[in-house]
Amino acid sequence: MSTDMVLAAIRDHEFAAYDVLVKQYSSEAVIAGFTDAARNGFTTFGVAVHLASLTDKGRKRLSS
């Protein structure tokens, strides 16, 4: 699962992004993708990594 896929899912589905992605990928792969995006500063989250929002850096990556 690529970071860009995670970012696009968050952009398109907001907090439902995890639910959308686990229909196609394993939960472990999705959580790993969300974790990687957060570690690289593309997302921010409060309670759980899969309840993420895009940062300015994440929005910029999607628009490039």
Protein backbone atom coordinates (compact mmCIF):
# COMPACT_ATOMS: atom_id res chain seq x y z
CA MET A 1 0.00 0.00 0.00
CA SER A 2 1.52 3.30 -1.06
CA THR A 3 1.50 6.52 0.88
CA ASP A 4 -0.24 8.23 -2.03
CA MET A 5 -3.09 5.71 -1.85
CA VAL A 6 -3.55 6.44 1.86
CA LEU A 7 -3.44 10.19 1.31
CA ALA A 8 -5.94 10.04 -1.55
CA ALA A 9 -8.29 7.90 0.52
CA ILE A 10 -8.13 10.40 3.39
CA ARG A 11 -8.74 13.27 0.97
CA ASP A 12 -11.71 11.52 -0.63
CA HIS A 13 -13.27 9.76 2.38
CA GLU A 14 -11.92 11.60 5.44
CA PHE A 15 -12.37 9.47 8.59
CA ALA A 16 -13.95 6.63 6.55
CA ALA A 17 -10.69 6.12 4.60
CA TYR A 18 -9.67 3.12 6.70
CA ASP A 19 -13.02 1.40 6.08
CA VAL A 20 -12.70 1.98 2.34
CA LEU A 21 -9.14 0.66 2.16
CA VAL A 22 -9.70 -2.50 4.22
CA LYS A 23 -12.17 -3.65 1.60
CA GLN A 24 -9.19 -4.10 -0.74
CA TYR A 25 -6.18 -4.58 1.56
CA SER A 26 -5.45 -6.33 4.83
CA SER A 27 -5.93 -4.36 8.02
CA GLU A 28 -2.22 -4.73 8.81
CA ALA A 29 -1.22 -3.23 5.44
CA VAL A 30 -3.64 -0.34 5.84
CA ILE A 31 -2.47 0.48 9.36
CA ALA A 32 1.14 0.29 8.17
CA GLY A 33 0.30 2.74 5.37
CA PHE A 34 -1.39 5.14 7.79
CA THR A 35 1.54 4.85 10.21
CA ASP A 36 4.08 5.55 7.48
CA ALA A 37 2.12 8.60 6.30
CA ALA A 38 1.99 9.96 9.85
CA ARG A 39 5.69 9.34 10.49
CA ASN A 40 6.53 11.26 7.32
CA GLY A 41 4.40 14.23 8.36
CA PHE A 42 1.73 13.81 5.68
CA THR A 43 -1.06 13.22 8.19
CA THR A 44 -1.95 14.07 11.73
CA PHE A 45 -4.22 12.20 14.10
CA GLY A 46 -5.57 12.41 17.60
CA VAL A 47 -6.89 9.18 19.07
CA ALA A 48 -5.92 6.61 16.44
CA VAL A 49 -3.60 6.58 13.45
CA HIS A 50 -6.41 5.48 11.12
CA LEU A 51 -8.50 8.54 12.07
CA ALA A 52 -6.14 10.88 10.26
CA SER A 53 -6.35 14.23 8.57
CA LEU A 54 -4.03 15.54 5.89
CA THR A 55 -1.40 18.07 6.85
CA ASP A 56 -0.33 20.87 4.51
CA LYS A 57 2.59 18.62 3.53
CA GLY A 58 0.17 15.79 2.67
CA ARG A 59 -2.09 18.06 0.59
CA LYS A 60 0.97 19.40 -1.23
CA ARG A 61 2.16 15.87 -2.06
CA LEU A 62 -1.23 15.00 -3.54
CA SER A 63 -1.32 18.13 -5.67
CA SER A 64 2.13 17.59 -7.16
